[in-house]
Amino acid sequence: MINIGCHLSVSSGYLAMGKTMEDLGGDTFAFFTRNPRGGSAKAVDVEDMEGLMEFLGENSFGRLVAHAPYTMNLCSDKDRTREFAEECFRDDLAKMELLPGNYFNFHPGNFLKQDKDECIARIAEVLNRYMRPDQKTVVLLETMAGKGTEIGRNFQDLEQIIEAVEPDLRDRLGICLDTCHIWDGGYDIIGDLDGVLRELDDVIGLEKVKAVHLNDSLNGLGARKDRHARLGEGEIGAEALKAVATHPMLQGRPFILETPNDMDGYRREIAMVKSWMVQ
């Protein structure tokens, strides 16, 4: 079995997110650690975060998948942008330690007009600087669609980052597999899902896949555009996404919906995915 949920807003607090997801019928969720397209962060409320952790335990929730802001580019060619990205990573990773045992996911970055390999090394340098072997949070590198100069379009990019991280930190580092992104990046999860997962296992190791973003795509295979669609309303389709959610090699993980929906839409999609698991 998998855990299923969607992105929620932290604006009403941490415990409120848990109660909202329970109402929606899910048992995991994602949230942004700060404004996704800016830099402001909600003040830390330790009591509220402790309340959420107690709620999660009482209601058999799976691990949560927190998400760094989209603007966090650890390999930016602009000094201040890169410095701010490091501050975000450092502070948000520390904040996640107040929600121990969960995931902190981020987009690896854009190399822009720089050397890609040097940028990958720079990302790893930041991970080596701020991660700790005894941290309770697992940091996730997200698979990307390859729009522009995104790092992470192929599995080799992510493996290159992992290999550049200190060995004693690697068990605190994993992958978030995004179905829209890998489809847009050129991985045929309709025609050859088993082959895609075998390649992922060969390059990175399936044990490194800690979470899945379950999304349809408005684009064709290999479009490298990253435009999400509701489940069954895009080019991937419900049957292929069902095959992902029910695949034996992907069980036991949190699946997060990032589809363009309101709360009623997420309620329907959560129920849809749950129905797949009992067929």
C-alpha atoms as a PDB file:
ATOM      1  CA  MET A   1       0.000   0.000   0.000  1.00  0.00           C
ATOM      2  CA  ILE A   2       0.931   3.631  -0.407  1.00  0.00           C
ATOM      3  CA  ASN A   3       0.049   6.797   1.489  1.00  0.00           C
ATOM      4  CA  ILE A   4      -1.836   9.410  -0.544  1.00  0.00           C
ATOM      5  CA  GLY A   5      -2.371  13.142  -0.095  1.00  0.00           C
ATOM      6  CA  CYS A   6      -1.823  16.515  -1.711  1.00  0.00           C
ATOM      7  CA  HIS A   7      -0.149  19.878  -1.188  1.00  0.00           C
ATOM      8  CA  LEU A   8      -1.680  21.995   1.579  1.00  0.00           C
ATOM      9  CA  SER A   9      -1.136  25.549   2.764  1.00  0.00           C
ATOM     10  CA  VAL A  10       0.620  26.085   6.078  1.00  0.00           C
ATOM     11  CA  SER A  11      -1.063  29.473   6.513  1.00  0.00           C
ATOM     12  CA  SER A  12      -3.489  28.158   9.173  1.00  0.00           C
ATOM     13  CA  GLY A  13      -0.811  26.196  10.977  1.00  0.00           C
ATOM     14  CA  TYR A  14       0.672  22.718  11.043  1.00  0.00           C
ATOM     15  CA  LEU A  15      -1.961  20.848  13.040  1.00  0.00           C
ATOM     16  CA  ALA A  16      -4.637  22.402  10.812  1.00  0.00           C
ATOM     17  CA  MET A  17      -3.004  20.775   7.779  1.00  0.00           C
ATOM     18  CA  GLY A  18      -3.224  17.355   9.401  1.00  0.00           C
ATOM     19  CA  LYS A  19      -6.906  17.806  10.183  1.00  0.00           C
ATOM     20  CA  THR A  20      -7.612  19.087   6.668  1.00  0.00           C
ATOM     21  CA  MET A  21      -5.958  16.041   5.130  1.00  0.00           C
ATOM     22  CA  GLU A  22      -7.892  13.703   7.399  1.00  0.00           C
ATOM     23  CA  ASP A  23     -11.086  15.371   6.166  1.00  0.00           C
ATOM     24  CA  LEU A  24      -9.975  14.926   2.549  1.00  0.00           C
ATOM     25  CA  GLY A  25      -9.472  11.217   3.137  1.00  0.00           C
ATOM     26  CA  GLY A  26      -5.676  11.194   2.823  1.00  0.00           C
ATOM     27  CA  ASP A  27      -2.904  10.040   5.120  1.00  0.00           C
ATOM     28  CA  THR A  28       0.061  12.156   4.043  1.00  0.00           C
ATOM     29  CA  PHE A  29       0.560  15.638   2.626  1.00  0.00           C
ATOM     30  CA  ALA A  30       3.078  18.144   1.344  1.00  0.00           C
ATOM     31  CA  PHE A  31       3.599  21.778   2.242  1.00  0.00           C
ATOM     32  CA  PHE A  32       6.029  24.526   1.333  1.00  0.00           C
ATOM     33  CA  THR A  33       8.610  25.385   3.965  1.00  0.00           C
ATOM     34  CA  ARG A  34       8.218  29.050   2.964  1.00  0.00           C
ATOM     35  CA  ASN A  35       6.592  31.169   0.243  1.00  0.00           C
ATOM     36  CA  PRO A  36       7.098  28.998  -2.885  1.00  0.00           C
ATOM     37  CA  ARG A  37       7.901  31.910  -5.169  1.00  0.00           C
ATOM     38  CA  GLY A  38       9.461  34.245  -2.654  1.00  0.00           C
ATOM     39  CA  GLY A  39      11.501  33.942   0.454  1.00  0.00           C
ATOM     40  CA  SER A  40       9.296  34.729   3.431  1.00  0.00           C
ATOM     41  CA  ALA A  41       8.823  31.961   5.989  1.00  0.00           C
ATOM     42  CA  LYS A  42       6.111  31.421   8.576  1.00  0.00           C
ATOM     43  CA  ALA A  43       7.380  31.906  12.115  1.00  0.00           C
ATOM     44  CA  VAL A  44       8.227  28.660  13.871  1.00  0.00           C
ATOM     45  CA  ASP A  45       5.527  27.528  16.310  1.00  0.00           C
ATOM     46  CA  VAL A  46       7.028  24.590  18.170  1.00  0.00           C
ATOM     47  CA  GLU A  47       3.816  23.778  20.052  1.00  0.00           C
ATOM     48  CA  ASP A  48       1.833  23.658  16.807  1.00  0.00           C
ATOM     49  CA  MET A  49       4.443  21.420  15.172  1.00  0.00           C
ATOM     50  CA  GLU A  50       4.441  19.085  18.171  1.00  0.00           C
ATOM     51  CA  GLY A  51       0.654  18.998  17.951  1.00  0.00           C
ATOM     52  CA  LEU A  52       0.892  17.902  14.324  1.00  0.00           C
ATOM     53  CA  MET A  53       3.393  15.151  15.136  1.00  0.00           C
ATOM     54  CA  GLU A  54       1.069  13.802  17.818  1.00  0.00           C
ATOM     55  CA  PHE A  55      -1.873  13.938  15.411  1.00  0.00           C
ATOM     56  CA  LEU A  56       0.074  12.097  12.681  1.00  0.00           C
ATOM     57  CA  GLY A  57       0.938   9.288  15.071  1.00  0.00           C
ATOM     58  CA  GLU A  58      -2.603   8.950  16.386  1.00  0.00           C
ATOM     59  CA  ASN A  59      -4.061   8.766  12.858  1.00  0.00           C
ATOM     60  CA  SER A  60      -1.516   6.458  11.170  1.00  0.00           C
ATOM     61  CA  PHE A  61      -0.231   9.020   8.686  1.00  0.00           C
ATOM     62  CA  GLY A  62       2.736   8.292   6.441  1.00  0.00           C
ATOM     63  CA  ARG A  63       5.777  10.531   6.164  1.00  0.00           C
ATOM     64  CA  LEU A  64       5.260  14.122   5.061  1.00  0.00           C
ATOM     65  CA  VAL A  65       6.999  15.648   2.036  1.00  0.00           C
ATOM     66  CA  ALA A  66       7.892  19.274   2.719  1.00  0.00           C
ATOM     67  CA  HIS A  67       8.938  21.292  -0.328  1.00  0.00           C
ATOM     68  CA  ALA A  68      11.558  24.025  -0.583  1.00  0.00           C
ATOM     69  CA  PRO A  69      10.632  27.213  -2.503  1.00  0.00           C
ATOM     70  CA  TYR A  70      10.925  27.117  -6.292  1.00  0.00           C
ATOM     71  CA  THR A  71      13.277  30.092  -6.132  1.00  0.00           C
ATOM     72  CA  MET A  72      15.919  28.163  -4.164  1.00  0.00           C
ATOM     73  CA  ASN A  73      18.711  27.671  -6.722  1.00  0.00           C
ATOM     74  CA  LEU A  74      21.816  26.375  -4.973  1.00  0.00           C
ATOM     75  CA  CYS A  75      23.924  26.761  -8.109  1.00  0.00           C
ATOM     76  CA  SER A  76      22.795  30.204  -9.288  1.00  0.00           C
ATOM     77  CA  ASP A  77      25.289  32.337 -11.195  1.00  0.00           C
ATOM     78  CA  LYS A  78      24.315  35.300  -8.983  1.00  0.00           C
ATOM     79  CA  ASP A  79      26.141  35.469  -5.653  1.00  0.00           C
ATOM     80  CA  ARG A  80      23.260  36.889  -3.620  1.00  0.00           C
ATOM     81  CA  THR A  81      20.740  34.441  -5.101  1.00  0.00           C
ATOM     82  CA  ARG A  82      23.044  31.562  -4.267  1.00  0.00           C
ATOM     83  CA  GLU A  83      23.684  32.874  -0.752  1.00  0.00           C
ATOM     84  CA  PHE A  84      19.961  33.258  -0.140  1.00  0.00           C
ATOM     85  CA  ALA A  85      19.366  29.718  -1.437  1.00  0.00           C
ATOM     86  CA  GLU A  86      21.900  28.395   1.068  1.00  0.00           C
ATOM     87  CA  GLU A  87      20.185  30.316   3.857  1.00  0.00           C
ATOM     88  CA  CYS A  88      16.846  28.791   2.841  1.00  0.00           C
ATOM     89  CA  PHE A  89      18.286  25.286   2.748  1.00  0.00           C
ATOM     90  CA  ARG A  90      20.069  25.661   6.097  1.00  0.00           C
ATOM     91  CA  ASP A  91      17.138  27.236   7.942  1.00  0.00           C
ATOM     92  CA  ASP A  92      14.424  25.031   6.465  1.00  0.00           C
ATOM     93  CA  LEU A  93      16.383  21.852   7.089  1.00  0.00           C
ATOM     94  CA  ALA A  94      16.765  22.936  10.726  1.00  0.00           C
ATOM     95  CA  LYS A  95      13.016  23.650  10.888  1.00  0.00           C
ATOM     96  CA  MET A  96      12.236  20.167   9.555  1.00  0.00           C
ATOM     97  CA  GLU A  97      14.107  18.669  12.505  1.00  0.00           C
ATOM     98  CA  LEU A  98      11.131  19.882  14.577  1.00  0.00           C
ATOM     99  CA  LEU A  99       9.034  17.457  12.486  1.00  0.00           C
ATOM    100  CA  PRO A 100      11.435  14.501  12.824  1.00  0.00           C
ATOM    101  CA  GLY A 101      11.299  11.547  10.473  1.00  0.00           C
ATOM    102  CA  ASN A 102       9.886  13.389   7.461  1.00  0.00           C
ATOM    103  CA  TYR A 103      11.176  14.501   4.056  1.00  0.00           C
ATOM    104  CA  PHE A 104      12.514  17.824   2.742  1.00  0.00           C
ATOM    105  CA  ASN A 105      12.270  17.909  -1.056  1.00  0.00           C
ATOM    106  CA  PHE A 106      13.828  20.441  -3.434  1.00  0.00           C
ATOM    107  CA  HIS A 107      14.418  21.117  -7.112  1.00  0.00           C
ATOM    108  CA  PRO A 108      18.172  20.690  -7.674  1.00  0.00           C
ATOM    109  CA  GLY A 109      18.570  23.958  -9.590  1.00  0.00           C
ATOM    110  CA  ASN A 110      19.342  25.592 -12.935  1.00  0.00           C
ATOM    111  CA  PHE A 111      22.873  25.831 -14.302  1.00  0.00           C
ATOM    112  CA  LEU A 112      21.956  28.705 -16.653  1.00  0.00           C
ATOM    113  CA  LYS A 113      25.080  29.747 -18.632  1.00  0.00           C
ATOM    114  CA  GLN A 114      27.501  27.918 -16.349  1.00  0.00           C
ATOM    115  CA  ASP A 115      29.209  24.548 -16.622  1.00  0.00           C
ATOM    116  CA  LYS A 116      26.693  21.904 -15.605  1.00  0.00           C
ATOM    117  CA  ASP A 117      29.177  19.622 -13.869  1.00  0.00           C
ATOM    118  CA  GLU A 118      30.530  22.509 -11.804  1.00  0.00           C
ATOM    119  CA  CYS A 119      26.984  23.394 -10.757  1.00  0.00           C
ATOM    120  CA  ILE A 120      26.244  19.814  -9.731  1.00  0.00           C
ATOM    121  CA  ALA A 121      29.402  19.890  -7.610  1.00  0.00           C
ATOM    122  CA  ARG A 122      28.243  23.170  -6.050  1.00  0.00           C
ATOM    123  CA  ILE A 123      24.892  21.624  -5.063  1.00  0.00           C
ATOM    124  CA  ALA A 124      26.705  18.744  -3.400  1.00  0.00           C
ATOM    125  CA  GLU A 125      28.971  21.183  -1.557  1.00  0.00           C
ATOM    126  CA  VAL A 126      25.924  22.804   0.038  1.00  0.00           C
ATOM    127  CA  LEU A 127      24.515  19.425   1.061  1.00  0.00           C
ATOM    128  CA  ASN A 128      27.859  18.477   2.580  1.00  0.00           C
ATOM    129  CA  ARG A 129      27.997  21.784   4.449  1.00  0.00           C
ATOM    130  CA  TYR A 130      24.584  21.635   6.145  1.00  0.00           C
ATOM    131  CA  MET A 131      23.491  18.002   6.329  1.00  0.00           C
ATOM    132  CA  ARG A 132      24.455  15.890   9.332  1.00  0.00           C
ATOM    133  CA  PRO A 133      24.707  12.089   9.665  1.00  0.00           C
ATOM    134  CA  ASP A 134      22.455  12.135  12.751  1.00  0.00           C
ATOM    135  CA  GLN A 135      19.701  14.362  11.312  1.00  0.00           C
ATOM    136  CA  LYS A 136      16.171  12.959  11.444  1.00  0.00           C
ATOM    137  CA  THR A 137      15.129  14.527   8.113  1.00  0.00           C
ATOM    138  CA  VAL A 138      15.801  12.865   4.753  1.00  0.00           C
ATOM    139  CA  VAL A 139      16.585  15.367   1.985  1.00  0.00           C
ATOM    140  CA  LEU A 140      15.065  14.545  -1.420  1.00  0.00           C
ATOM    141  CA  LEU A 141      16.281  15.554  -4.866  1.00  0.00           C
ATOM    142  CA  GLU A 142      13.329  15.862  -7.233  1.00  0.00           C
ATOM    143  CA  THR A 143      13.338  14.479 -10.764  1.00  0.00           C
ATOM    144  CA  MET A 144      12.828  17.359 -13.193  1.00  0.00           C
ATOM    145  CA  ALA A 145      11.273  17.831 -16.653  1.00  0.00           C
ATOM    146  CA  GLY A 146      14.393  19.426 -18.154  1.00  0.00           C
ATOM    147  CA  LYS A 147      12.827  22.800 -18.874  1.00  0.00           C
ATOM    148  CA  GLY A 148      15.540  25.278 -19.835  1.00  0.00           C
ATOM    149  CA  THR A 149      18.715  24.415 -17.947  1.00  0.00           C
ATOM    150  CA  GLU A 150      17.173  22.396 -15.123  1.00  0.00           C
ATOM    151  CA  ILE A 151      19.413  19.879 -13.427  1.00  0.00           C
ATOM    152  CA  GLY A 152      17.712  16.547 -12.810  1.00  0.00           C
ATOM    153  CA  ARG A 153      16.069  15.768 -16.159  1.00  0.00           C
ATOM    154  CA  ASN A 154      17.775  12.383 -16.179  1.00  0.00           C
ATOM    155  CA  PHE A 155      18.616   9.964 -13.418  1.00  0.00           C
ATOM    156  CA  GLN A 156      22.338  10.399 -14.081  1.00  0.00           C
ATOM    157  CA  ASP A 157      22.186  14.053 -12.933  1.00  0.00           C
ATOM    158  CA  LEU A 158      20.791  13.039  -9.574  1.00  0.00           C
ATOM    159  CA  GLU A 159      23.217  10.167  -9.156  1.00  0.00           C
ATOM    160  CA  GLN A 160      26.079  12.575  -9.860  1.00  0.00           C
ATOM    161  CA  ILE A 161      24.908  14.760  -6.964  1.00  0.00           C
ATOM    162  CA  ILE A 162      24.515  11.766  -4.649  1.00  0.00           C
ATOM    163  CA  GLU A 163      27.991  10.464  -5.474  1.00  0.00           C
ATOM    164  CA  ALA A 164      29.507  13.875  -4.687  1.00  0.00           C
ATOM    165  CA  VAL A 165      27.926  13.903  -1.215  1.00  0.00           C
ATOM    166  CA  GLU A 166      29.984  12.554   1.675  1.00  0.00           C
ATOM    167  CA  PRO A 167      29.379   8.802   2.178  1.00  0.00           C
ATOM    168  CA  ASP A 168      28.227   9.215   5.790  1.00  0.00           C
ATOM    169  CA  LEU A 169      25.438  11.566   4.619  1.00  0.00           C
ATOM    170  CA  ARG A 170      24.048   9.494   1.764  1.00  0.00           C
ATOM    171  CA  ASP A 171      21.548   7.547   3.844  1.00  0.00           C
ATOM    172  CA  ARG A 172      19.974  10.931   4.668  1.00  0.00           C
ATOM    173  CA  LEU A 173      19.574  11.660   0.930  1.00  0.00           C
ATOM    174  CA  GLY A 174      16.944  10.289  -1.453  1.00  0.00           C
ATOM    175  CA  ILE A 175      14.840  10.939  -4.556  1.00  0.00           C
ATOM    176  CA  CYS A 176      11.316  12.252  -5.128  1.00  0.00           C
ATOM    177  CA  LEU A 177       9.991  10.753  -8.376  1.00  0.00           C
ATOM    178  CA  ASP A 178       7.608  13.108 -10.214  1.00  0.00           C
ATOM    179  CA  THR A 179       5.506  11.373 -12.881  1.00  0.00           C
ATOM    180  CA  CYS A 180       4.828  14.530 -14.905  1.00  0.00           C
ATOM    181  CA  HIS A 181       8.485  15.507 -14.781  1.00  0.00           C
ATOM    182  CA  ILE A 182       9.970  12.180 -15.845  1.00  0.00           C
ATOM    183  CA  TRP A 183       7.378  11.851 -18.649  1.00  0.00           C
ATOM    184  CA  ASP A 184       8.155  15.358 -19.891  1.00  0.00           C
ATOM    185  CA  GLY A 185      11.842  14.505 -19.475  1.00  0.00           C
ATOM    186  CA  GLY A 186      11.543  11.563 -21.869  1.00  0.00           C
ATOM    187  CA  TYR A 187      10.917   8.489 -19.694  1.00  0.00           C
ATOM    188  CA  ASP A 188       8.063   6.430 -21.172  1.00  0.00           C
ATOM    189  CA  ILE A 189       6.057   5.369 -18.144  1.00  0.00           C
ATOM    190  CA  ILE A 190       3.119   4.415 -20.387  1.00  0.00           C
ATOM    191  CA  GLY A 191       4.876   2.008 -22.720  1.00  0.00           C
ATOM    192  CA  ASP A 192       7.730   0.805 -20.523  1.00  0.00           C
ATOM    193  CA  LEU A 193       7.187   1.531 -16.823  1.00  0.00           C
ATOM    194  CA  ASP A 194       9.116  -1.564 -15.790  1.00  0.00           C
ATOM    195  CA  GLY A 195      12.027  -0.506 -18.002  1.00  0.00           C
ATOM    196  CA  VAL A 196      12.041   3.009 -16.524  1.00  0.00           C
ATOM    197  CA  LEU A 197      12.090   1.607 -12.997  1.00  0.00           C
ATOM    198  CA  ARG A 198      14.857  -0.853 -13.921  1.00  0.00           C
ATOM    199  CA  GLU A 199      16.938   2.021 -15.292  1.00  0.00           C
ATOM    200  CA  LEU A 200      16.264   4.046 -12.142  1.00  0.00           C
ATOM    201  CA  ASP A 201      17.299   1.064 -10.050  1.00  0.00           C
ATOM    202  CA  ASP A 202      20.486   0.567 -12.095  1.00  0.00           C
ATOM    203  CA  VAL A 203      21.512   4.243 -11.976  1.00  0.00           C
ATOM    204  CA  ILE A 204      20.434   5.318  -8.483  1.00  0.00           C
ATOM    205  CA  GLY A 205      18.757   2.401  -6.718  1.00  0.00           C
ATOM    206  CA  LEU A 206      15.022   2.134  -6.099  1.00  0.00           C
ATOM    207  CA  GLU A 207      15.661   2.172  -2.361  1.00  0.00           C
ATOM    208  CA  LYS A 208      16.581   5.852  -2.831  1.00  0.00           C
ATOM    209  CA  VAL A 209      13.064   6.675  -4.097  1.00  0.00           C
ATOM    210  CA  LYS A 210      11.430   7.855  -0.888  1.00  0.00           C
ATOM    211  CA  ALA A 211       8.377   9.707  -2.278  1.00  0.00           C
ATOM    212  CA  VAL A 212       6.372  10.130  -5.481  1.00  0.00           C
ATOM    213  CA  HIS A 213       4.624  13.172  -6.953  1.00  0.00           C
ATOM    214  CA  LEU A 214       1.641  11.658  -8.794  1.00  0.00           C
ATOM    215  CA  ASN A 215       0.691  14.021 -11.613  1.00  0.00           C
ATOM    216  CA  ASP A 216      -0.633  13.838 -15.149  1.00  0.00           C
ATOM    217  CA  SER A 217       0.944  16.011 -17.866  1.00  0.00           C
ATOM    218  CA  LEU A 218      -0.459  18.374 -20.467  1.00  0.00           C
ATOM    219  CA  ASN A 219       2.505  17.553 -22.699  1.00  0.00           C
ATOM    220  CA  GLY A 220       3.671  14.697 -24.865  1.00  0.00           C
ATOM    221  CA  LEU A 221       6.572  12.408 -24.014  1.00  0.00           C
ATOM    222  CA  GLY A 222       9.871  14.296 -23.885  1.00  0.00           C
ATOM    223  CA  ALA A 223       8.329  17.776 -24.248  1.00  0.00           C
ATOM    224  CA  ARG A 224      10.506  19.160 -21.406  1.00  0.00           C
ATOM    225  CA  LYS A 225       7.825  21.714 -20.460  1.00  0.00           C
ATOM    226  CA  ASP A 226       6.526  20.728 -16.982  1.00  0.00           C
ATOM    227  CA  ARG A 227       2.798  21.477 -17.112  1.00  0.00           C
ATOM    228  CA  HIS A 228       0.783  19.368 -14.691  1.00  0.00           C
ATOM    229  CA  ALA A 229      -2.723  18.036 -15.330  1.00  0.00           C
ATOM    230  CA  ARG A 230      -5.375  16.352 -13.206  1.00  0.00           C
ATOM    231  CA  LEU A 231      -5.197  12.577 -13.024  1.00  0.00           C
ATOM    232  CA  GLY A 232      -6.588  11.072 -16.219  1.00  0.00           C
ATOM    233  CA  GLU A 233      -6.926  14.429 -17.970  1.00  0.00           C
ATOM    234  CA  GLY A 234      -3.474  14.596 -19.527  1.00  0.00           C
ATOM    235  CA  GLU A 235      -1.165  12.747 -21.873  1.00  0.00           C
ATOM    236  CA  ILE A 236      -0.114  10.113 -19.330  1.00  0.00           C
ATOM    237  CA  GLY A 237      -3.642   9.020 -18.458  1.00  0.00           C
ATOM    238  CA  ALA A 238      -5.294   7.290 -15.529  1.00  0.00           C
ATOM    239  CA  GLU A 239      -4.306   3.733 -16.450  1.00  0.00           C
ATOM    240  CA  ALA A 240      -0.591   4.511 -16.581  1.00  0.00           C
ATOM    241  CA  LEU A 241      -0.762   6.485 -13.333  1.00  0.00           C
ATOM    242  CA  LYS A 242      -2.655   3.622 -11.703  1.00  0.00           C
ATOM    243  CA  ALA A 243       0.174   1.319 -12.815  1.00  0.00           C
ATOM    244  CA  VAL A 244       2.663   3.618 -11.063  1.00  0.00           C
ATOM    245  CA  ALA A 245       0.627   3.838  -7.848  1.00  0.00           C
ATOM    246  CA  THR A 246       0.087   0.077  -7.662  1.00  0.00           C
ATOM    247  CA  HIS A 247       3.532  -1.020  -8.845  1.00  0.00           C
ATOM    248  CA  PRO A 248       5.011  -3.519  -6.368  1.00  0.00           C
ATOM    249  CA  MET A 249       8.388  -1.738  -6.394  1.00  0.00           C
ATOM    250  CA  LEU A 250       6.881   1.599  -5.301  1.00  0.00           C
ATOM    251  CA  GLN A 251       4.766   0.555  -2.337  1.00  0.00           C
ATOM    252  CA  GLY A 252       5.202   1.883   1.192  1.00  0.00           C
ATOM    253  CA  ARG A 253       5.872   5.450   0.077  1.00  0.00           C
ATOM    254  CA  PRO A 254       3.990   8.768   0.317  1.00  0.00           C
ATOM    255  CA  PHE A 255       2.364   9.769  -2.993  1.00  0.00           C
ATOM    256  CA  ILE A 256       1.631  13.485  -3.308  1.00  0.00           C
ATOM    257  CA  LEU A 257      -0.831  15.014  -5.779  1.00  0.00           C
ATOM    258  CA  GLU A 258       0.351  18.267  -7.353  1.00  0.00           C
ATOM    259  CA  THR A 259      -2.536  18.522  -9.791  1.00  0.00           C
ATOM    260  CA  PRO A 260      -4.373  21.809 -10.585  1.00  0.00           C
ATOM    261  CA  ASN A 261      -7.291  21.307  -8.205  1.00  0.00           C
ATOM    262  CA  ASP A 262      -9.419  22.848  -5.501  1.00  0.00           C
ATOM    263  CA  MET A 263     -10.076  20.903  -2.302  1.00  0.00           C
ATOM    264  CA  ASP A 264     -13.074  19.052  -3.729  1.00  0.00           C
ATOM    265  CA  GLY A 265     -10.921  18.035  -6.679  1.00  0.00           C
ATOM    266  CA  TYR A 266      -8.237  16.683  -4.364  1.00  0.00           C
ATOM    267  CA  ARG A 267     -10.880  14.815  -2.376  1.00  0.00           C
ATOM    268  CA  ARG A 268     -12.022  13.093  -5.598  1.00  0.00           C
ATOM    269  CA  GLU A 269      -8.473  12.272  -6.690  1.00  0.00           C
ATOM    270  CA  ILE A 270      -7.515  10.873  -3.288  1.00  0.00           C
ATOM    271  CA  ALA A 271     -10.607   8.648  -3.414  1.00  0.00           C
ATOM    272  CA  MET A 272      -9.683   7.606  -6.975  1.00  0.00           C
ATOM    273  CA  VAL A 273      -6.176   6.556  -5.999  1.00  0.00           C
ATOM    274  CA  LYS A 274      -7.436   4.708  -2.926  1.00  0.00           C
ATOM    275  CA  SER A 275      -9.890   2.802  -5.152  1.00  0.00           C
ATOM    276  CA  TRP A 276      -6.970   1.667  -7.335  1.00  0.00           C
ATOM    277  CA  MET A 277      -5.356   0.011  -4.335  1.00  0.00           C
ATOM    278  CA  VAL A 278      -8.292  -2.338  -3.685  1.00  0.00           C
ATOM    279  CA  GLN A 279      -9.053  -3.421  -7.250  1.00  0.00           C
END
